[in-house]
N, C-alpha and C. Protein backbone atom coordinates (compact mmCIF):
# COMPACT_ATOMS: atom_id res chain seq x y z
N MET A 1 46.35 -32.97 -38.30
CA MET A 1 47.55 -33.80 -38.17
C MET A 1 47.65 -34.71 -39.39
N ASN A 2 48.79 -34.77 -39.99
CA ASN A 2 49.06 -35.59 -41.16
C ASN A 2 49.01 -37.07 -40.77
N SER A 3 48.30 -37.89 -41.58
CA SER A 3 48.16 -39.31 -41.24
C SER A 3 49.49 -40.04 -41.22
N ALA A 4 50.51 -39.53 -41.93
CA ALA A 4 51.82 -40.18 -41.90
C ALA A 4 52.47 -40.04 -40.53
N ARG A 5 51.95 -39.15 -39.69
CA ARG A 5 52.49 -38.95 -38.35
C ARG A 5 51.74 -39.78 -37.31
N ILE A 6 50.79 -40.58 -37.76
CA ILE A 6 50.03 -41.46 -36.86
C ILE A 6 50.35 -42.90 -37.24
N ALA A 7 50.74 -43.69 -36.26
CA ALA A 7 51.08 -45.09 -36.51
C ALA A 7 50.15 -45.99 -35.72
N ILE A 8 49.87 -47.15 -36.27
CA ILE A 8 49.07 -48.16 -35.58
C ILE A 8 49.96 -49.36 -35.30
N TYR A 9 49.88 -49.85 -34.08
CA TYR A 9 50.69 -51.01 -33.66
C TYR A 9 49.71 -52.12 -33.26
N PRO A 10 49.47 -53.08 -34.15
CA PRO A 10 48.49 -54.12 -33.87
C PRO A 10 49.09 -55.34 -33.18
N GLY A 11 48.25 -56.06 -32.47
CA GLY A 11 48.65 -57.31 -31.85
C GLY A 11 47.53 -57.85 -30.99
N THR A 12 47.70 -59.09 -30.54
CA THR A 12 46.70 -59.64 -29.62
C THR A 12 47.02 -59.23 -28.19
N PHE A 13 48.29 -58.95 -27.90
CA PHE A 13 48.71 -58.46 -26.59
C PHE A 13 48.13 -59.33 -25.47
N ASP A 14 48.42 -60.62 -25.56
CA ASP A 14 47.88 -61.59 -24.60
C ASP A 14 49.01 -62.29 -23.86
N PRO A 15 49.68 -61.65 -22.94
CA PRO A 15 49.51 -60.29 -22.44
C PRO A 15 50.49 -59.31 -23.10
N ILE A 16 50.30 -58.04 -22.82
CA ILE A 16 51.25 -57.03 -23.26
C ILE A 16 52.53 -57.21 -22.44
N THR A 17 53.67 -57.17 -23.11
CA THR A 17 54.97 -57.42 -22.46
C THR A 17 55.83 -56.16 -22.49
N ASN A 18 56.93 -56.21 -21.78
CA ASN A 18 57.88 -55.09 -21.82
C ASN A 18 58.50 -54.94 -23.20
N GLY A 19 58.54 -56.02 -23.97
CA GLY A 19 58.99 -55.92 -25.36
C GLY A 19 58.04 -55.07 -26.19
N HIS A 20 56.73 -55.30 -26.01
CA HIS A 20 55.74 -54.45 -26.68
C HIS A 20 55.91 -53.01 -26.24
N LEU A 21 56.06 -52.81 -24.94
CA LEU A 21 56.17 -51.45 -24.40
C LEU A 21 57.43 -50.75 -24.90
N ASP A 22 58.50 -51.49 -25.09
CA ASP A 22 59.72 -50.94 -25.66
C ASP A 22 59.44 -50.38 -27.05
N LEU A 23 58.76 -51.16 -27.89
CA LEU A 23 58.45 -50.70 -29.25
C LEU A 23 57.48 -49.52 -29.22
N ILE A 24 56.49 -49.58 -28.37
CA ILE A 24 55.50 -48.50 -28.28
C ILE A 24 56.18 -47.21 -27.84
N GLY A 25 57.03 -47.29 -26.84
CA GLY A 25 57.73 -46.10 -26.36
C GLY A 25 58.62 -45.48 -27.42
N ARG A 26 59.32 -46.33 -28.16
CA ARG A 26 60.19 -45.81 -29.22
C ARG A 26 59.37 -45.23 -30.36
N ALA A 27 58.25 -45.87 -30.67
CA ALA A 27 57.37 -45.34 -31.71
C ALA A 27 56.77 -43.99 -31.29
N ALA A 28 56.49 -43.84 -30.01
CA ALA A 28 55.91 -42.58 -29.52
C ALA A 28 56.90 -41.42 -29.67
N ARG A 29 58.19 -41.72 -29.75
CA ARG A 29 59.18 -40.67 -30.00
C ARG A 29 59.26 -40.31 -31.48
N ILE A 30 58.82 -41.21 -32.34
CA ILE A 30 58.92 -41.01 -33.79
C ILE A 30 57.64 -40.38 -34.34
N PHE A 31 56.49 -40.82 -33.82
CA PHE A 31 55.19 -40.40 -34.36
C PHE A 31 54.47 -39.47 -33.40
N ASP A 32 53.60 -38.64 -33.95
CA ASP A 32 52.79 -37.74 -33.13
C ASP A 32 51.80 -38.51 -32.27
N ARG A 33 51.30 -39.61 -32.84
CA ARG A 33 50.34 -40.43 -32.10
C ARG A 33 50.55 -41.88 -32.49
N VAL A 34 50.43 -42.77 -31.50
CA VAL A 34 50.53 -44.22 -31.73
C VAL A 34 49.23 -44.84 -31.22
N VAL A 35 48.60 -45.63 -32.07
CA VAL A 35 47.39 -46.35 -31.72
C VAL A 35 47.76 -47.81 -31.51
N VAL A 36 47.63 -48.27 -30.27
CA VAL A 36 47.86 -49.68 -29.96
C VAL A 36 46.53 -50.38 -30.22
N ALA A 37 46.50 -51.23 -31.22
CA ALA A 37 45.26 -51.86 -31.67
C ALA A 37 45.23 -53.32 -31.22
N VAL A 38 44.38 -53.61 -30.26
CA VAL A 38 44.26 -54.96 -29.70
C VAL A 38 43.31 -55.75 -30.59
N ALA A 39 43.84 -56.80 -31.21
CA ALA A 39 43.10 -57.58 -32.19
C ALA A 39 42.28 -58.69 -31.56
N ASP A 40 41.11 -58.90 -32.12
CA ASP A 40 40.28 -60.05 -31.80
C ASP A 40 40.54 -61.08 -32.89
N ASN A 41 41.57 -61.89 -32.70
CA ASN A 41 41.98 -62.86 -33.70
C ASN A 41 41.26 -64.18 -33.45
N LYS A 42 40.34 -64.53 -34.33
CA LYS A 42 39.55 -65.76 -34.18
C LYS A 42 40.38 -67.03 -34.33
N ASN A 43 41.62 -66.90 -34.85
CA ASN A 43 42.50 -68.06 -35.00
C ASN A 43 43.28 -68.36 -33.73
N LYS A 44 43.15 -67.51 -32.73
CA LYS A 44 43.86 -67.70 -31.47
C LYS A 44 42.86 -67.81 -30.33
N THR A 45 43.26 -68.49 -29.28
CA THR A 45 42.44 -68.59 -28.07
C THR A 45 43.19 -67.87 -26.96
N PRO A 46 42.91 -66.58 -26.79
CA PRO A 46 43.65 -65.82 -25.79
C PRO A 46 43.30 -66.22 -24.36
N LEU A 47 44.26 -66.04 -23.48
CA LEU A 47 44.05 -66.28 -22.06
C LEU A 47 43.15 -65.20 -21.46
N PHE A 48 43.40 -63.96 -21.88
CA PHE A 48 42.64 -62.83 -21.38
C PHE A 48 41.53 -62.46 -22.36
N THR A 49 40.42 -61.99 -21.83
CA THR A 49 39.33 -61.52 -22.68
C THR A 49 39.75 -60.22 -23.37
N MET A 50 39.01 -59.82 -24.36
CA MET A 50 39.31 -58.55 -25.03
C MET A 50 39.29 -57.38 -24.04
N PRO A 51 38.27 -57.24 -23.20
CA PRO A 51 38.29 -56.13 -22.24
C PRO A 51 39.48 -56.18 -21.28
N GLU A 52 39.90 -57.38 -20.89
CA GLU A 52 41.06 -57.51 -20.01
C GLU A 52 42.34 -57.08 -20.73
N ARG A 53 42.51 -57.51 -21.98
CA ARG A 53 43.70 -57.16 -22.74
C ARG A 53 43.77 -55.65 -22.98
N VAL A 54 42.62 -55.06 -23.28
CA VAL A 54 42.58 -53.60 -23.49
C VAL A 54 42.92 -52.89 -22.18
N ARG A 55 42.33 -53.31 -21.07
CA ARG A 55 42.58 -52.67 -19.78
C ARG A 55 44.06 -52.76 -19.41
N LEU A 56 44.65 -53.94 -19.56
CA LEU A 56 46.07 -54.11 -19.24
C LEU A 56 46.95 -53.24 -20.13
N ALA A 57 46.60 -53.14 -21.40
CA ALA A 57 47.37 -52.29 -22.32
C ALA A 57 47.22 -50.82 -21.95
N VAL A 58 46.00 -50.39 -21.64
CA VAL A 58 45.77 -48.99 -21.23
C VAL A 58 46.59 -48.66 -20.00
N GLU A 59 46.58 -49.56 -19.02
CA GLU A 59 47.36 -49.34 -17.80
C GLU A 59 48.86 -49.27 -18.11
N ALA A 60 49.31 -50.13 -19.00
CA ALA A 60 50.73 -50.21 -19.32
C ALA A 60 51.26 -48.97 -20.04
N VAL A 61 50.42 -48.32 -20.83
CA VAL A 61 50.86 -47.15 -21.60
C VAL A 61 50.37 -45.83 -21.01
N SER A 62 49.82 -45.88 -19.81
CA SER A 62 49.16 -44.71 -19.22
C SER A 62 50.06 -43.47 -19.11
N GLU A 63 51.35 -43.65 -19.04
CA GLU A 63 52.26 -42.50 -18.92
C GLU A 63 52.67 -41.93 -20.28
N LEU A 64 52.22 -42.54 -21.35
CA LEU A 64 52.56 -42.05 -22.69
C LEU A 64 51.35 -41.31 -23.26
N ASP A 65 51.39 -39.99 -23.20
CA ASP A 65 50.24 -39.16 -23.60
C ASP A 65 49.83 -39.33 -25.06
N SER A 66 50.77 -39.64 -25.92
CA SER A 66 50.47 -39.72 -27.35
C SER A 66 50.03 -41.11 -27.79
N VAL A 67 49.81 -42.00 -26.82
CA VAL A 67 49.43 -43.38 -27.16
C VAL A 67 48.00 -43.63 -26.71
N GLN A 68 47.21 -44.21 -27.60
CA GLN A 68 45.86 -44.62 -27.26
C GLN A 68 45.70 -46.10 -27.56
N VAL A 69 44.82 -46.76 -26.84
CA VAL A 69 44.56 -48.19 -27.02
C VAL A 69 43.15 -48.36 -27.51
N VAL A 70 42.99 -49.16 -28.55
CA VAL A 70 41.67 -49.48 -29.10
C VAL A 70 41.60 -50.98 -29.33
N SER A 71 40.40 -51.48 -29.47
CA SER A 71 40.23 -52.88 -29.88
C SER A 71 39.65 -52.88 -31.29
N PHE A 72 39.89 -53.97 -32.01
CA PHE A 72 39.30 -54.07 -33.35
C PHE A 72 39.04 -55.53 -33.72
N GLU A 73 38.00 -55.70 -34.54
CA GLU A 73 37.61 -57.03 -35.01
C GLU A 73 37.58 -57.09 -36.54
N ASN A 74 37.86 -55.98 -37.20
CA ASN A 74 37.81 -55.92 -38.65
C ASN A 74 39.23 -56.04 -39.21
N LEU A 75 39.38 -55.74 -40.48
CA LEU A 75 40.71 -55.76 -41.10
C LEU A 75 41.57 -54.67 -40.49
N LEU A 76 42.84 -54.93 -40.34
CA LEU A 76 43.76 -53.95 -39.80
C LEU A 76 43.75 -52.67 -40.63
N VAL A 77 43.71 -52.80 -41.94
CA VAL A 77 43.72 -51.59 -42.78
C VAL A 77 42.47 -50.74 -42.52
N GLN A 78 41.34 -51.37 -42.23
CA GLN A 78 40.13 -50.61 -41.90
C GLN A 78 40.31 -49.90 -40.56
N CYS A 79 40.87 -50.59 -39.60
CA CYS A 79 41.13 -49.99 -38.29
C CYS A 79 42.10 -48.81 -38.44
N ALA A 80 43.13 -48.98 -39.24
CA ALA A 80 44.10 -47.91 -39.47
C ALA A 80 43.41 -46.69 -40.07
N ARG A 81 42.56 -46.91 -41.06
CA ARG A 81 41.82 -45.79 -41.68
C ARG A 81 40.94 -45.09 -40.65
N GLU A 82 40.23 -45.88 -39.82
CA GLU A 82 39.33 -45.31 -38.82
C GLU A 82 40.07 -44.39 -37.85
N HIS A 83 41.34 -44.66 -37.61
CA HIS A 83 42.11 -43.88 -36.64
C HIS A 83 43.11 -42.94 -37.31
N GLY A 84 43.02 -42.82 -38.62
CA GLY A 84 43.87 -41.87 -39.34
C GLY A 84 45.33 -42.24 -39.43
N ALA A 85 45.64 -43.52 -39.26
CA ALA A 85 47.04 -43.96 -39.29
C ALA A 85 47.52 -44.11 -40.72
N GLY A 86 48.74 -43.67 -40.96
CA GLY A 86 49.37 -43.84 -42.27
C GLY A 86 50.45 -44.91 -42.25
N VAL A 87 50.75 -45.42 -41.05
CA VAL A 87 51.84 -46.39 -40.90
C VAL A 87 51.39 -47.51 -39.97
N ILE A 88 51.70 -48.74 -40.37
CA ILE A 88 51.52 -49.91 -39.52
C ILE A 88 52.89 -50.23 -38.93
N LEU A 89 52.97 -50.33 -37.63
CA LEU A 89 54.21 -50.73 -36.97
C LEU A 89 54.18 -52.22 -36.70
N ARG A 90 55.26 -52.89 -37.01
CA ARG A 90 55.36 -54.31 -36.71
C ARG A 90 56.71 -54.56 -36.06
N GLY A 91 56.72 -55.43 -35.07
CA GLY A 91 57.96 -55.78 -34.40
C GLY A 91 58.55 -57.05 -34.98
N LEU A 92 59.86 -57.04 -35.15
CA LEU A 92 60.59 -58.22 -35.63
C LEU A 92 61.60 -58.61 -34.56
N ARG A 93 61.39 -59.78 -33.95
CA ARG A 93 62.33 -60.26 -32.94
C ARG A 93 63.47 -61.04 -33.56
N ALA A 94 63.17 -61.76 -34.62
CA ALA A 94 64.17 -62.64 -35.23
C ALA A 94 63.93 -62.73 -36.73
N VAL A 95 64.90 -63.24 -37.44
CA VAL A 95 64.78 -63.40 -38.88
C VAL A 95 63.56 -64.26 -39.21
N SER A 96 63.25 -65.22 -38.35
CA SER A 96 62.12 -66.12 -38.60
C SER A 96 60.79 -65.37 -38.64
N ASP A 97 60.69 -64.20 -38.01
CA ASP A 97 59.47 -63.40 -38.06
C ASP A 97 59.29 -62.72 -39.41
N PHE A 98 60.39 -62.51 -40.12
CA PHE A 98 60.35 -61.66 -41.30
C PHE A 98 59.45 -62.18 -42.41
N GLU A 99 59.51 -63.45 -42.74
CA GLU A 99 58.75 -63.97 -43.87
C GLU A 99 57.25 -63.72 -43.70
N PHE A 100 56.72 -64.06 -42.53
CA PHE A 100 55.30 -63.85 -42.26
C PHE A 100 54.97 -62.35 -42.30
N GLU A 101 55.79 -61.55 -41.64
CA GLU A 101 55.54 -60.11 -41.59
C GLU A 101 55.64 -59.48 -42.99
N PHE A 102 56.55 -59.97 -43.82
CA PHE A 102 56.71 -59.49 -45.18
C PHE A 102 55.45 -59.78 -45.98
N GLN A 103 54.88 -60.98 -45.82
CA GLN A 103 53.63 -61.33 -46.50
C GLN A 103 52.49 -60.43 -46.05
N LEU A 104 52.39 -60.19 -44.74
CA LEU A 104 51.34 -59.30 -44.23
C LEU A 104 51.50 -57.89 -44.79
N ALA A 105 52.72 -57.40 -44.82
CA ALA A 105 52.97 -56.05 -45.33
C ALA A 105 52.54 -55.95 -46.79
N GLY A 106 52.85 -56.96 -47.58
CA GLY A 106 52.45 -56.96 -48.98
C GLY A 106 50.94 -56.99 -49.16
N MET A 107 50.26 -57.81 -48.36
CA MET A 107 48.79 -57.87 -48.46
C MET A 107 48.17 -56.55 -48.00
N ASN A 108 48.68 -55.98 -46.90
CA ASN A 108 48.15 -54.70 -46.44
C ASN A 108 48.37 -53.60 -47.48
N ARG A 109 49.50 -53.61 -48.15
CA ARG A 109 49.78 -52.65 -49.22
C ARG A 109 48.81 -52.85 -50.38
N HIS A 110 48.49 -54.10 -50.66
CA HIS A 110 47.51 -54.39 -51.72
C HIS A 110 46.13 -53.85 -51.33
N LEU A 111 45.77 -54.00 -50.06
CA LEU A 111 44.45 -53.55 -49.59
C LEU A 111 44.36 -52.03 -49.46
N ASP A 112 45.48 -51.38 -49.20
CA ASP A 112 45.51 -49.92 -49.06
C ASP A 112 46.90 -49.43 -49.46
N LYS A 113 47.00 -48.94 -50.69
CA LYS A 113 48.30 -48.55 -51.23
C LYS A 113 48.94 -47.36 -50.50
N ASP A 114 48.15 -46.62 -49.72
CA ASP A 114 48.67 -45.46 -49.00
C ASP A 114 49.15 -45.79 -47.59
N LEU A 115 48.96 -47.02 -47.17
CA LEU A 115 49.33 -47.43 -45.82
C LEU A 115 50.69 -48.13 -45.86
N GLU A 116 51.68 -47.54 -45.20
CA GLU A 116 53.04 -48.10 -45.18
C GLU A 116 53.22 -49.00 -43.96
N THR A 117 54.16 -49.94 -44.06
CA THR A 117 54.52 -50.79 -42.93
C THR A 117 55.96 -50.48 -42.54
N LEU A 118 56.16 -50.28 -41.24
CA LEU A 118 57.48 -50.00 -40.71
C LEU A 118 57.82 -51.09 -39.70
N PHE A 119 58.99 -51.71 -39.87
CA PHE A 119 59.43 -52.76 -38.96
C PHE A 119 60.39 -52.17 -37.93
N LEU A 120 60.16 -52.49 -36.67
CA LEU A 120 61.06 -52.10 -35.59
C LEU A 120 61.55 -53.37 -34.91
N THR A 121 62.78 -53.33 -34.48
CA THR A 121 63.31 -54.45 -33.70
C THR A 121 63.34 -54.02 -32.23
N PRO A 122 63.08 -54.94 -31.33
CA PRO A 122 63.10 -54.58 -29.91
C PRO A 122 64.53 -54.42 -29.40
N SER A 123 64.65 -53.79 -28.26
CA SER A 123 65.94 -53.74 -27.59
C SER A 123 66.41 -55.17 -27.36
N GLU A 124 67.70 -55.37 -27.35
CA GLU A 124 68.27 -56.72 -27.22
C GLU A 124 67.74 -57.45 -25.99
N LYS A 125 67.51 -56.73 -24.91
CA LYS A 125 67.06 -57.40 -23.68
C LYS A 125 65.64 -57.93 -23.78
N TYR A 126 64.89 -57.53 -24.83
CA TYR A 126 63.53 -58.02 -25.01
C TYR A 126 63.36 -58.89 -26.26
N ALA A 127 64.42 -59.08 -27.02
CA ALA A 127 64.32 -59.77 -28.31
C ALA A 127 63.84 -61.21 -28.18
N PHE A 128 64.03 -61.84 -27.04
CA PHE A 128 63.70 -63.25 -26.88
C PHE A 128 62.35 -63.49 -26.22
N ILE A 129 61.64 -62.43 -25.82
CA ILE A 129 60.38 -62.67 -25.11
C ILE A 129 59.19 -62.56 -26.05
N SER A 130 58.20 -63.37 -25.77
CA SER A 130 56.94 -63.32 -26.51
C SER A 130 55.82 -63.57 -25.50
N SER A 131 54.63 -63.16 -25.87
CA SER A 131 53.49 -63.36 -24.97
C SER A 131 53.28 -64.83 -24.65
N SER A 132 53.45 -65.70 -25.64
CA SER A 132 53.21 -67.13 -25.40
C SER A 132 54.24 -67.70 -24.43
N VAL A 133 55.50 -67.28 -24.54
CA VAL A 133 56.53 -67.74 -23.61
C VAL A 133 56.24 -67.21 -22.21
N ILE A 134 55.83 -65.97 -22.11
CA ILE A 134 55.50 -65.37 -20.81
C ILE A 134 54.34 -66.13 -20.16
N ARG A 135 53.31 -66.44 -20.94
CA ARG A 135 52.17 -67.20 -20.41
C ARG A 135 52.62 -68.56 -19.88
N GLU A 136 53.48 -69.23 -20.62
CA GLU A 136 53.93 -70.56 -20.22
C GLU A 136 54.76 -70.51 -18.93
N ILE A 137 55.66 -69.54 -18.84
CA ILE A 137 56.45 -69.39 -17.62
C ILE A 137 55.54 -69.10 -16.43
N ALA A 138 54.57 -68.20 -16.63
CA ALA A 138 53.63 -67.85 -15.55
C ALA A 138 52.80 -69.07 -15.15
N ARG A 139 52.35 -69.84 -16.14
CA ARG A 139 51.53 -71.02 -15.87
C ARG A 139 52.28 -72.04 -15.01
N LEU A 140 53.59 -72.12 -15.23
CA LEU A 140 54.41 -73.09 -14.50
C LEU A 140 55.03 -72.50 -13.22
N GLY A 141 54.61 -71.29 -12.87
CA GLY A 141 55.04 -70.69 -11.61
C GLY A 141 56.38 -69.98 -11.64
N GLY A 142 56.90 -69.70 -12.83
CA GLY A 142 58.18 -69.00 -12.93
C GLY A 142 58.04 -67.50 -12.73
N ASP A 143 59.15 -66.85 -12.55
CA ASP A 143 59.19 -65.41 -12.32
C ASP A 143 59.19 -64.67 -13.65
N ILE A 144 58.12 -63.96 -13.92
CA ILE A 144 58.01 -63.18 -15.16
C ILE A 144 58.16 -61.68 -14.91
N SER A 145 58.44 -61.30 -13.68
CA SER A 145 58.49 -59.88 -13.32
C SER A 145 59.45 -59.04 -14.17
N PRO A 146 60.56 -59.59 -14.68
CA PRO A 146 61.42 -58.75 -15.53
C PRO A 146 60.83 -58.46 -16.92
N PHE A 147 59.76 -59.16 -17.28
CA PHE A 147 59.27 -59.11 -18.65
C PHE A 147 57.92 -58.43 -18.82
N VAL A 148 57.23 -58.13 -17.72
CA VAL A 148 55.90 -57.53 -17.79
C VAL A 148 55.74 -56.50 -16.67
N THR A 149 54.71 -55.68 -16.77
CA THR A 149 54.43 -54.72 -15.71
C THR A 149 53.89 -55.45 -14.48
N GLU A 150 53.88 -54.76 -13.35
CA GLU A 150 53.36 -55.36 -12.12
C GLU A 150 51.90 -55.79 -12.29
N LYS A 151 51.11 -54.96 -12.96
CA LYS A 151 49.69 -55.28 -13.14
C LYS A 151 49.49 -56.49 -14.04
N VAL A 152 50.30 -56.62 -15.07
CA VAL A 152 50.22 -57.80 -15.93
C VAL A 152 50.67 -59.03 -15.15
N ASN A 153 51.72 -58.90 -14.38
CA ASN A 153 52.20 -60.00 -13.55
C ASN A 153 51.09 -60.47 -12.60
N ALA A 154 50.42 -59.52 -11.95
CA ALA A 154 49.34 -59.86 -11.02
C ALA A 154 48.17 -60.50 -11.76
N ALA A 155 47.85 -60.00 -12.93
CA ALA A 155 46.73 -60.56 -13.71
C ALA A 155 47.03 -61.99 -14.14
N LEU A 156 48.26 -62.26 -14.52
CA LEU A 156 48.65 -63.63 -14.90
C LEU A 156 48.62 -64.54 -13.68
N ALA A 157 49.10 -64.07 -12.54
CA ALA A 157 49.07 -64.87 -11.31
C ALA A 157 47.65 -65.22 -10.95
N GLU A 158 46.74 -64.27 -11.12
CA GLU A 158 45.32 -64.53 -10.81
C GLU A 158 44.72 -65.55 -11.78
N LYS A 159 45.07 -65.44 -13.05
CA LYS A 159 44.54 -66.40 -14.04
C LYS A 159 45.00 -67.82 -13.75
N TYR A 160 46.23 -67.95 -13.29
CA TYR A 160 46.79 -69.29 -13.08
C TYR A 160 46.71 -69.76 -11.63
N ALA A 161 46.03 -68.99 -10.77
CA ALA A 161 45.89 -69.38 -9.35
C ALA A 161 45.04 -70.62 -9.21
């Protein structure tokens, strides 16, 4: 399989949202294989542990045969190489995301000139959701069911019980 047909979609996925799933599903129609790479970002303090985030992501994508979930603690470009990915997928919800994502794309290109970055925008109904907003709504007892899977909803309810 040509590495250009394999894409990696990185994130902390704390938690994985329907916005993430929208991008993953659309990417699965474009690429032969999509690797959802759950990052161990030392600059963030996730609500869920790495094993919990991976489990929730695996459950969320279980019906997509061409999608696999992995965790990583190294550079994204190293993770992409390990999984044969030729493309990094990044989601852009708003113009404000672009500057940071553009910088990351440039640095990743510097680190691996053969690794391309592709930006996808979410469906309009998911453009306003983020994991941090979902966590805050769940923490305050709001209804997050339209934005996450049932299992993610239950996991958040358990964390904030």
